[in-house]
Amino acid sequence: MKKSDLLFILEKKFEYLPKREVERTLEKILQFFSSNLSKGNRIEIRDFGSFSTRLRKSRIGRNPSSGEKIHINDKLSVHFTPGKKLKKIINEE
């Protein structure tokens, strides 16, 4: 599902709200998530799951086009852990 698909579904579900307001609300939620994750905070949504950041250590990689070895620095990545209810729903279907 893409962001535009999600926006379309939310616009249909909340027909009483202007489309621009639904779009703005979704943007605010995504900004909130991004901002908190960038600060190192954990986001937990009960029965759905939690988002957190994890450090990927530096390593030696290679350029796929030239085969040349390159150094890849430490970086943070987003990690999602599904909740029990989400796992149950996914495995039932």
PDB file of N, CA and C in Angstrom:
ATOM      1  N   MET A   1       0.846  -1.170   0.000  1.00  0.00           N
ATOM      2  CA  MET A   1       0.000   0.000   0.000  1.00  0.00           C
ATOM      3  C   MET A   1       0.896   1.239   0.000  1.00  0.00           C
ATOM      4  N   LYS A   2       0.574   2.154  -0.868  1.00  0.00           N
ATOM      5  CA  LYS A   2       1.319   3.403  -0.945  1.00  0.00           C
ATOM      6  C   LYS A   2       0.604   4.474  -0.118  1.00  0.00           C
ATOM      7  N   LYS A   3       1.303   5.573   0.105  1.00  0.00           N
ATOM      8  CA  LYS A   3       0.733   6.675   0.872  1.00  0.00           C
ATOM      9  C   LYS A   3      -0.540   7.199   0.201  1.00  0.00           C
ATOM     10  N   SER A   4      -0.529   7.280  -1.111  1.00  0.00           N
ATOM     11  CA  SER A   4      -1.705   7.773  -1.836  1.00  0.00           C
ATOM     12  C   SER A   4      -2.897   6.830  -1.658  1.00  0.00           C
ATOM     13  N   ASP A   5      -2.638   5.513  -1.605  1.00  0.00           N
ATOM     14  CA  ASP A   5      -3.714   4.542  -1.370  1.00  0.00           C
ATOM     15  C   ASP A   5      -4.309   4.734   0.024  1.00  0.00           C
ATOM     16  N   LEU A   6      -3.436   4.892   1.007  1.00  0.00           N
ATOM     17  CA  LEU A   6      -3.887   5.114   2.385  1.00  0.00           C
ATOM     18  C   LEU A   6      -4.713   6.395   2.473  1.00  0.00           C
ATOM     19  N   LEU A   7      -4.250   7.423   1.825  1.00  0.00           N
ATOM     20  CA  LEU A   7      -4.959   8.705   1.821  1.00  0.00           C
ATOM     21  C   LEU A   7      -6.344   8.554   1.188  1.00  0.00           C
ATOM     22  N   PHE A   8      -6.429   7.823   0.102  1.00  0.00           N
ATOM     23  CA  PHE A   8      -7.699   7.596  -0.576  1.00  0.00           C
ATOM     24  C   PHE A   8      -8.682   6.868   0.347  1.00  0.00           C
ATOM     25  N   ILE A   9      -8.208   5.825   1.045  1.00  0.00           N
ATOM     26  CA  ILE A   9      -9.062   5.057   1.964  1.00  0.00           C
ATOM     27  C   ILE A   9      -9.536   5.936   3.115  1.00  0.00           C
ATOM     28  N   LEU A  10      -8.642   6.733   3.666  1.00  0.00           N
ATOM     29  CA  LEU A  10      -9.016   7.617   4.776  1.00  0.00           C
ATOM     30  C   LEU A  10     -10.018   8.687   4.331  1.00  0.00           C
ATOM     31  N   GLU A  11      -9.853   9.205   3.114  1.00  0.00           N
ATOM     32  CA  GLU A  11     -10.795  10.203   2.591  1.00  0.00           C
ATOM     33  C   GLU A  11     -12.197   9.598   2.448  1.00  0.00           C
ATOM     34  N   LYS A  12     -12.277   8.355   2.017  1.00  0.00           N
ATOM     35  CA  LYS A  12     -13.580   7.680   1.884  1.00  0.00           C
ATOM     36  C   LYS A  12     -14.193   7.395   3.254  1.00  0.00           C
ATOM     37  N   LYS A  13     -13.356   7.003   4.214  1.00  0.00           N
ATOM     38  CA  LYS A  13     -13.850   6.664   5.548  1.00  0.00           C
ATOM     39  C   LYS A  13     -14.344   7.910   6.286  1.00  0.00           C
ATOM     40  N   PHE A  14     -13.646   9.021   6.110  1.00  0.00           N
ATOM     41  CA  PHE A  14     -14.001  10.270   6.791  1.00  0.00           C
ATOM     42  C   PHE A  14     -14.533  11.277   5.779  1.00  0.00           C
ATOM     43  N   GLU A  15     -15.628  10.929   5.108  1.00  0.00           N
ATOM     44  CA  GLU A  15     -16.205  11.777   4.063  1.00  0.00           C
ATOM     45  C   GLU A  15     -16.652  13.139   4.580  1.00  0.00           C
ATOM     46  N   TYR A  16     -16.976  13.200   5.881  1.00  0.00           N
ATOM     47  CA  TYR A  16     -17.447  14.453   6.468  1.00  0.00           C
ATOM     48  C   TYR A  16     -16.317  15.468   6.664  1.00  0.00           C
ATOM     49  N   LEU A  17     -15.070  15.044   6.513  1.00  0.00           N
ATOM     50  CA  LEU A  17     -13.928  15.960   6.616  1.00  0.00           C
ATOM     51  C   LEU A  17     -13.467  16.365   5.224  1.00  0.00           C
ATOM     52  N   PRO A  18     -13.006  17.599   5.085  1.00  0.00           N
ATOM     53  CA  PRO A  18     -12.453  17.997   3.782  1.00  0.00           C
ATOM     54  C   PRO A  18     -11.214  17.159   3.456  1.00  0.00           C
ATOM     55  N   LYS A  19     -11.027  16.845   2.180  1.00  0.00           N
ATOM     56  CA  LYS A  19      -9.892  16.027   1.759  1.00  0.00           C
ATOM     57  C   LYS A  19      -8.567  16.636   2.196  1.00  0.00           C
ATOM     58  N   ARG A  20      -8.477  17.938   2.126  1.00  0.00           N
ATOM     59  CA  ARG A  20      -7.241  18.626   2.517  1.00  0.00           C
ATOM     60  C   ARG A  20      -6.940  18.413   4.001  1.00  0.00           C
ATOM     61  N   GLU A  21      -7.974  18.356   4.822  1.00  0.00           N
ATOM     62  CA  GLU A  21      -7.794  18.158   6.263  1.00  0.00           C
ATOM     63  C   GLU A  21      -7.300  16.737   6.552  1.00  0.00           C
ATOM     64  N   VAL A  22      -7.830  15.754   5.838  1.00  0.00           N
ATOM     65  CA  VAL A  22      -7.386  14.365   6.002  1.00  0.00           C
ATOM     66  C   VAL A  22      -5.914  14.249   5.613  1.00  0.00           C
ATOM     67  N   GLU A  23      -5.550  14.870   4.502  1.00  0.00           N
ATOM     68  CA  GLU A  23      -4.164  14.845   4.034  1.00  0.00           C
ATOM     69  C   GLU A  23      -3.233  15.520   5.042  1.00  0.00           C
ATOM     70  N   ARG A  24      -3.649  16.653   5.556  1.00  0.00           N
ATOM     71  CA  ARG A  24      -2.850  17.398   6.539  1.00  0.00           C
ATOM     72  C   ARG A  24      -2.669  16.578   7.828  1.00  0.00           C
ATOM     73  N   THR A  25      -3.723  15.915   8.268  1.00  0.00           N
ATOM     74  CA  THR A  25      -3.652  15.089   9.482  1.00  0.00           C
ATOM     75  C   THR A  25      -2.688  13.925   9.296  1.00  0.00           C
ATOM     76  N   LEU A  26      -2.764  13.254   8.156  1.00  0.00           N
ATOM     77  CA  LEU A  26      -1.848  12.149   7.873  1.00  0.00           C
ATOM     78  C   LEU A  26      -0.400  12.648   7.852  1.00  0.00           C
ATOM     79  N   GLU A  27      -0.170  13.801   7.229  1.00  0.00           N
ATOM     80  CA  GLU A  27       1.172  14.384   7.186  1.00  0.00           C
ATOM     81  C   GLU A  27       1.687  14.679   8.595  1.00  0.00           C
ATOM     82  N   LYS A  28       0.827  15.221   9.451  1.00  0.00           N
ATOM     83  CA  LYS A  28       1.220  15.536  10.835  1.00  0.00           C
ATOM     84  C   LYS A  28       1.591  14.269  11.597  1.00  0.00           C
ATOM     85  N   ILE A  29       0.835  13.202  11.414  1.00  0.00           N
ATOM     86  CA  ILE A  29       1.124  11.933  12.085  1.00  0.00           C
ATOM     87  C   ILE A  29       2.484  11.404  11.618  1.00  0.00           C
ATOM     88  N   LEU A  30       2.715  11.413  10.312  1.00  0.00           N
ATOM     89  CA  LEU A  30       3.986  10.923   9.782  1.00  0.00           C
ATOM     90  C   LEU A  30       5.155  11.797  10.240  1.00  0.00           C
ATOM     91  N   GLN A  31       4.943  13.114  10.302  1.00  0.00           N
ATOM     92  CA  GLN A  31       5.984  14.028  10.809  1.00  0.00           C
ATOM     93  C   GLN A  31       6.284  13.730  12.272  1.00  0.00           C
ATOM     94  N   PHE A  32       5.248  13.484  13.055  1.00  0.00           N
ATOM     95  CA  PHE A  32       5.414  13.172  14.476  1.00  0.00           C
ATOM     96  C   PHE A  32       6.237  11.901  14.644  1.00  0.00           C
ATOM     97  N   PHE A  33       5.891  10.865  13.877  1.00  0.00           N
ATOM     98  CA  PHE A  33       6.647   9.607  13.940  1.00  0.00           C
ATOM     99  C   PHE A  33       8.106   9.841  13.565  1.00  0.00           C
ATOM    100  N   SER A  34       8.333  10.515  12.457  1.00  0.00           N
ATOM    101  CA  SER A  34       9.695  10.757  11.982  1.00  0.00           C
ATOM    102  C   SER A  34      10.505  11.554  12.987  1.00  0.00           C
ATOM    103  N   SER A  35       9.894  12.594  13.534  1.00  0.00           N
ATOM    104  CA  SER A  35      10.574  13.451  14.493  1.00  0.00           C
ATOM    105  C   SER A  35      10.974  12.680  15.742  1.00  0.00           C
ATOM    106  N   ASN A  36      10.057  11.896  16.282  1.00  0.00           N
ATOM    107  CA  ASN A  36      10.350  11.139  17.494  1.00  0.00           C
ATOM    108  C   ASN A  36      11.372  10.034  17.254  1.00  0.00           C
ATOM    109  N   LEU A  37      11.298   9.365  16.129  1.00  0.00           N
ATOM    110  CA  LEU A  37      12.289   8.333  15.829  1.00  0.00           C
ATOM    111  C   LEU A  37      13.676   8.942  15.635  1.00  0.00           C
ATOM    112  N   SER A  38      13.739  10.111  15.025  1.00  0.00           N
ATOM    113  CA  SER A  38      15.044  10.759  14.825  1.00  0.00           C
ATOM    114  C   SER A  38      15.667  11.196  16.147  1.00  0.00           C
ATOM    115  N   LYS A  39      14.838  11.402  17.173  1.00  0.00           N
ATOM    116  CA  LYS A  39      15.341  11.753  18.506  1.00  0.00           C
ATOM    117  C   LYS A  39      15.707  10.507  19.315  1.00  0.00           C
ATOM    118  N   GLY A  40      15.469   9.339  18.752  1.00  0.00           N
ATOM    119  CA  GLY A  40      15.786   8.091  19.445  1.00  0.00           C
ATOM    120  C   GLY A  40      14.657   7.562  20.293  1.00  0.00           C
ATOM    121  N   ASN A  41      13.489   8.167  20.202  1.00  0.00           N
ATOM    122  CA  ASN A  41      12.332   7.714  20.979  1.00  0.00           C
ATOM    123  C   ASN A  41      11.693   6.492  20.330  1.00  0.00           C
ATOM    124  N   ARG A  42      11.029   5.712  21.126  1.00  0.00           N
ATOM    125  CA  ARG A  42      10.313   4.521  20.675  1.00  0.00           C
ATOM    126  C   ARG A  42       8.839   4.885  20.547  1.00  0.00           C
ATOM    127  N   ILE A  43       8.184   4.375  19.515  1.00  0.00           N
ATOM    128  CA  ILE A  43       6.758   4.627  19.311  1.00  0.00           C
ATOM    129  C   ILE A  43       6.036   3.291  19.426  1.00  0.00           C
ATOM    130  N   GLU A  44       5.083   3.217  20.343  1.00  0.00           N
ATOM    131  CA  GLU A  44       4.329   1.983  20.534  1.00  0.00           C
ATOM    132  C   GLU A  44       2.854   2.248  20.294  1.00  0.00           C
ATOM    133  N   ILE A  45       2.266   1.450  19.416  1.00  0.00           N
ATOM    134  CA  ILE A  45       0.835   1.526  19.141  1.00  0.00           C
ATOM    135  C   ILE A  45       0.249   0.199  19.602  1.00  0.00           C
ATOM    136  N   ARG A  46      -0.500   0.253  20.681  1.00  0.00           N
ATOM    137  CA  ARG A  46      -1.047  -0.970  21.291  1.00  0.00           C
ATOM    138  C   ARG A  46      -1.776  -1.821  20.258  1.00  0.00           C
ATOM    139  N   ASP A  47      -1.600  -3.120  20.345  1.00  0.00           N
ATOM    140  CA  ASP A  47      -2.216  -4.121  19.473  1.00  0.00           C
ATOM    141  C   ASP A  47      -1.730  -4.065  18.023  1.00  0.00           C
ATOM    142  N   PHE A  48      -0.859  -3.132  17.693  1.00  0.00           N
ATOM    143  CA  PHE A  48      -0.321  -3.054  16.329  1.00  0.00           C
ATOM    144  C   PHE A  48       1.155  -3.388  16.329  1.00  0.00           C
ATOM    145  N   GLY A  49       1.945  -2.614  17.082  1.00  0.00           N
ATOM    146  CA  GLY A  49       3.374  -2.879  17.146  1.00  0.00           C
ATOM    147  C   GLY A  49       4.138  -1.663  17.619  1.00  0.00           C
ATOM    148  N   SER A  50       5.457  -1.755  17.566  1.00  0.00           N
ATOM    149  CA  SER A  50       6.285  -0.640  18.007  1.00  0.00           C
ATOM    150  C   SER A  50       7.392  -0.376  16.992  1.00  0.00           C
ATOM    151  N   PHE A  51       7.740   0.893  16.886  1.00  0.00           N
ATOM    152  CA  PHE A  51       8.811   1.350  16.013  1.00  0.00           C
ATOM    153  C   PHE A  51       9.948   1.839  16.895  1.00  0.00           C
ATOM    154  N   SER A  52      11.165   1.473  16.543  1.00  0.00           N
ATOM    155  CA  SER A  52      12.337   1.958  17.270  1.00  0.00           C
ATOM    156  C   SER A  52      13.490   2.063  16.282  1.00  0.00           C
ATOM    157  N   THR A  53      14.587   2.648  16.737  1.00  0.00           N
ATOM    158  CA  THR A  53      15.761   2.748  15.882  1.00  0.00           C
ATOM    159  C   THR A  53      16.826   1.785  16.381  1.00  0.00           C
ATOM    160  N   ARG A  54      17.602   1.279  15.461  1.00  0.00           N
ATOM    161  CA  ARG A  54      18.715   0.393  15.791  1.00  0.00           C
ATOM    162  C   ARG A  54      19.949   0.871  15.032  1.00  0.00           C
ATOM    163  N   LEU A  55      21.080   0.719  15.683  1.00  0.00           N
ATOM    164  CA  LEU A  55      22.345   1.145  15.079  1.00  0.00           C
ATOM    165  C   LEU A  55      22.912   0.026  14.220  1.00  0.00           C
ATOM    166  N   ARG A  56      23.203   0.360  12.975  1.00  0.00           N
ATOM    167  CA  ARG A  56      23.914  -0.568  12.088  1.00  0.00           C
ATOM    168  C   ARG A  56      25.377  -0.166  12.130  1.00  0.00           C
ATOM    169  N   LYS A  57      26.232  -1.054  12.562  1.00  0.00           N
ATOM    170  CA  LYS A  57      27.653  -0.748  12.721  1.00  0.00           C
ATOM    171  C   LYS A  57      28.318  -0.536  11.363  1.00  0.00           C
ATOM    172  N   SER A  58      29.443   0.192  11.398  1.00  0.00           N
ATOM    173  CA  SER A  58      30.182   0.434  10.162  1.00  0.00           C
ATOM    174  C   SER A  58      30.735  -0.892   9.642  1.00  0.00           C
ATOM    175  N   ARG A  59      30.905  -0.943   8.333  1.00  0.00           N
ATOM    176  CA  ARG A  59      31.384  -2.172   7.719  1.00  0.00           C
ATOM    177  C   ARG A  59      32.035  -1.855   6.382  1.00  0.00           C
ATOM    178  N   ILE A  60      32.672  -2.850   5.832  1.00  0.00           N
ATOM    179  CA  ILE A  60      33.252  -2.713   4.499  1.00  0.00           C
ATOM    180  C   ILE A  60      32.256  -3.310   3.511  1.00  0.00           C
ATOM    181  N   GLY A  61      31.877  -2.504   2.527  1.00  0.00           N
ATOM    182  CA  GLY A  61      30.975  -2.958   1.479  1.00  0.00           C
ATOM    183  C   GLY A  61      31.696  -2.886   0.152  1.00  0.00           C
ATOM    184  N   ARG A  62      30.947  -3.031  -0.912  1.00  0.00           N
ATOM    185  CA  ARG A  62      31.577  -2.880  -2.219  1.00  0.00           C
ATOM    186  C   ARG A  62      30.621  -2.204  -3.185  1.00  0.00           C
ATOM    187  N   ASN A  63      31.207  -1.464  -4.083  1.00  0.00           N
ATOM    188  CA  ASN A  63      30.452  -0.791  -5.123  1.00  0.00           C
ATOM    189  C   ASN A  63      30.027  -1.864  -6.125  1.00  0.00           C
ATOM    190  N   PRO A  64      28.717  -2.059  -6.337  1.00  0.00           N
ATOM    191  CA  PRO A  64      28.273  -3.145  -7.221  1.00  0.00           C
ATOM    192  C   PRO A  64      28.699  -2.971  -8.681  1.00  0.00           C
ATOM    193  N   SER A  65      28.884  -1.734  -9.133  1.00  0.00           N
ATOM    194  CA  SER A  65      29.251  -1.550 -10.540  1.00  0.00           C
ATOM    195  C   SER A  65      30.742  -1.754 -10.785  1.00  0.00           C
ATOM    196  N   SER A  66      31.584  -1.343  -9.824  1.00  0.00           N
ATOM    197  CA  SER A  66      33.027  -1.462 -10.051  1.00  0.00           C
ATOM    198  C   SER A  66      33.666  -2.579  -9.234  1.00  0.00           C
ATOM    199  N   GLY A  67      32.985  -3.046  -8.195  1.00  0.00           N
ATOM    200  CA  GLY A  67      33.558  -4.079  -7.336  1.00  0.00           C
ATOM    201  C   GLY A  67      34.534  -3.523  -6.313  1.00  0.00           C
ATOM    202  N   GLU A  68      34.751  -2.217  -6.337  1.00  0.00           N
ATOM    203  CA  GLU A  68      35.686  -1.556  -5.425  1.00  0.00           C
ATOM    204  C   GLU A  68      35.166  -1.617  -3.989  1.00  0.00           C
ATOM    205  N   LYS A  69      36.074  -1.896  -3.024  1.00  0.00           N
ATOM    206  CA  LYS A  69      35.682  -1.925  -1.616  1.00  0.00           C
ATOM    207  C   LYS A  69      35.501  -0.498  -1.114  1.00  0.00           C
ATOM    208  N   ILE A  70      34.435  -0.286  -0.323  1.00  0.00           N
ATOM    209  CA  ILE A  70      34.168   1.035   0.251  1.00  0.00           C
ATOM    210  C   ILE A  70      33.821   0.883   1.726  1.00  0.00           C
ATOM    211  N   HIS A  71      34.065   1.943   2.478  1.00  0.00           N
ATOM    212  CA  HIS A  71      33.739   1.942   3.902  1.00  0.00           C
ATOM    213  C   HIS A  71      32.332   2.532   4.073  1.00  0.00           C
ATOM    214  N   ILE A  72      31.486   1.813   4.803  1.00  0.00           N
ATOM    215  CA  ILE A  72      30.128   2.282   5.088  1.00  0.00           C
ATOM    216  C   ILE A  72      30.079   2.638   6.564  1.00  0.00           C
ATOM    217  N   ASN A  73      29.744   3.893   6.869  1.00  0.00           N
ATOM    218  CA  ASN A  73      29.712   4.392   8.245  1.00  0.00           C
ATOM    219  C   ASN A  73      28.534   3.837   9.039  1.00  0.00           C
ATOM    220  N   ASP A  74      28.610   4.006  10.390  1.00  0.00           N
ATOM    221  CA  ASP A  74      27.485   3.667  11.264  1.00  0.00           C
ATOM    222  C   ASP A  74      26.251   4.428  10.815  1.00  0.00           C
ATOM    223  N   LYS A  75      25.099   3.803  10.948  1.00  0.00           N
ATOM    224  CA  LYS A  75      23.856   4.529  10.669  1.00  0.00           C
ATOM    225  C   LYS A  75      22.705   3.899  11.429  1.00  0.00           C
ATOM    226  N   LEU A  76      21.692   4.704  11.677  1.00  0.00           N
ATOM    227  CA  LEU A  76      20.492   4.231  12.357  1.00  0.00           C
ATOM    228  C   LEU A  76      19.482   3.748  11.319  1.00  0.00           C
ATOM    229  N   SER A  77      18.768   2.692  11.659  1.00  0.00           N
ATOM    230  CA  SER A  77      17.689   2.224  10.797  1.00  0.00           C
ATOM    231  C   SER A  77      16.453   2.027  11.660  1.00  0.00           C
ATOM    232  N   VAL A  78      15.305   2.071  11.033  1.00  0.00           N
ATOM    233  CA  VAL A  78      14.038   1.915  11.749  1.00  0.00           C
ATOM    234  C   VAL A  78      13.715   0.429  11.850  1.00  0.00           C
ATOM    235  N   HIS A  79      13.323   0.011  13.039  1.00  0.00           N
ATOM    236  CA  HIS A  79      12.971  -1.384  13.286  1.00  0.00           C
ATOM    237  C   HIS A  79      11.512  -1.434  13.754  1.00  0.00           C
ATOM    238  N   PHE A  80      10.746  -2.355  13.180  1.00  0.00           N
ATOM    239  CA  PHE A  80       9.343  -2.529  13.560  1.00  0.00           C
ATOM    240  C   PHE A  80       9.173  -3.895  14.197  1.00  0.00           C
ATOM    241  N   THR A  81       8.524  -3.929  15.355  1.00  0.00           N
ATOM    242  CA  THR A  81       8.183  -5.180  16.022  1.00  0.00           C
ATOM    243  C   THR A  81       6.668  -5.276  16.084  1.00  0.00           C
ATOM    244  N   PRO A  82       6.083  -6.248  15.397  1.00  0.00           N
ATOM    245  CA  PRO A  82       4.622  -6.363  15.425  1.00  0.00           C
ATOM    246  C   PRO A  82       4.106  -6.775  16.795  1.00  0.00           C
ATOM    247  N   GLY A  83       2.906  -6.305  17.137  1.00  0.00           N
ATOM    248  CA  GLY A  83       2.261  -6.670  18.397  1.00  0.00           C
ATOM    249  C   GLY A  83       1.600  -8.044  18.286  1.00  0.00           C
ATOM    250  N   LYS A  84       1.204  -8.582  19.419  1.00  0.00           N
ATOM    251  CA  LYS A  84       0.589  -9.914  19.458  1.00  0.00           C
ATOM    252  C   LYS A  84      -0.688  -9.978  18.617  1.00  0.00           C
ATOM    253  N   LYS A  85      -1.511  -8.937  18.745  1.00  0.00           N
ATOM    254  CA  LYS A  85      -2.794  -8.939  18.025  1.00  0.00           C
ATOM    255  C   LYS A  85      -2.566  -8.898  16.509  1.00  0.00           C
ATOM    256  N   LEU A  86      -1.601  -8.093  16.060  1.00  0.00           N
ATOM    257  CA  LEU A  86      -1.298  -8.015  14.632  1.00  0.00           C
ATOM    258  C   LEU A  86      -0.773  -9.353  14.134  1.00  0.00           C
ATOM    259  N   LYS A  87       0.111  -9.992  14.879  1.00  0.00           N
ATOM    260  CA  LYS A  87       0.628 -11.303  14.498  1.00  0.00           C
ATOM    261  C   LYS A  87      -0.510 -12.310  14.362  1.00  0.00           C
ATOM    262  N   LYS A  88      -1.446 -12.270  15.306  1.00  0.00           N
ATOM    263  CA  LYS A  88      -2.576 -13.193  15.298  1.00  0.00           C
ATOM    264  C   LYS A  88      -3.453 -12.969  14.059  1.00  0.00           C
ATOM    265  N   ILE A  89      -3.743 -11.701  13.766  1.00  0.00           N
ATOM    266  CA  ILE A  89      -4.581 -11.365  12.617  1.00  0.00           C
ATOM    267  C   ILE A  89      -3.921 -11.823  11.314  1.00  0.00           C
ATOM    268  N   ILE A  90      -2.633 -11.572  11.179  1.00  0.00           N
ATOM    269  CA  ILE A  90      -1.914 -11.944   9.953  1.00  0.00           C
ATOM    270  C   ILE A  90      -1.885 -13.455   9.770  1.00  0.00           C
ATOM    271  N   ASN A  91      -1.672 -14.182  10.848  1.00  0.00           N
ATOM    272  CA  ASN A  91      -1.552 -15.637  10.746  1.00  0.00           C
ATOM    273  C   ASN A  91      -2.880 -16.349  10.607  1.00  0.00           C
ATOM    274  N   GLU A  92      -3.986 -15.691  10.916  1.00  0.00           N
ATOM    275  CA  GLU A  92      -5.304 -16.294  10.738  1.00  0.00           C
ATOM    276  C   GLU A  92      -5.728 -16.316   9.284  1.00  0.00           C
ATOM    277  N   GLU A  93      -5.276 -15.337   8.526  1.00  0.00           N
ATOM    278  CA  GLU A  93      -5.740 -15.209   7.128  1.00  0.00           C
ATOM    279  C   GLU A  93      -4.876 -15.962   6.160  1.00  0.00           C
TER     280      GLU A  93
END
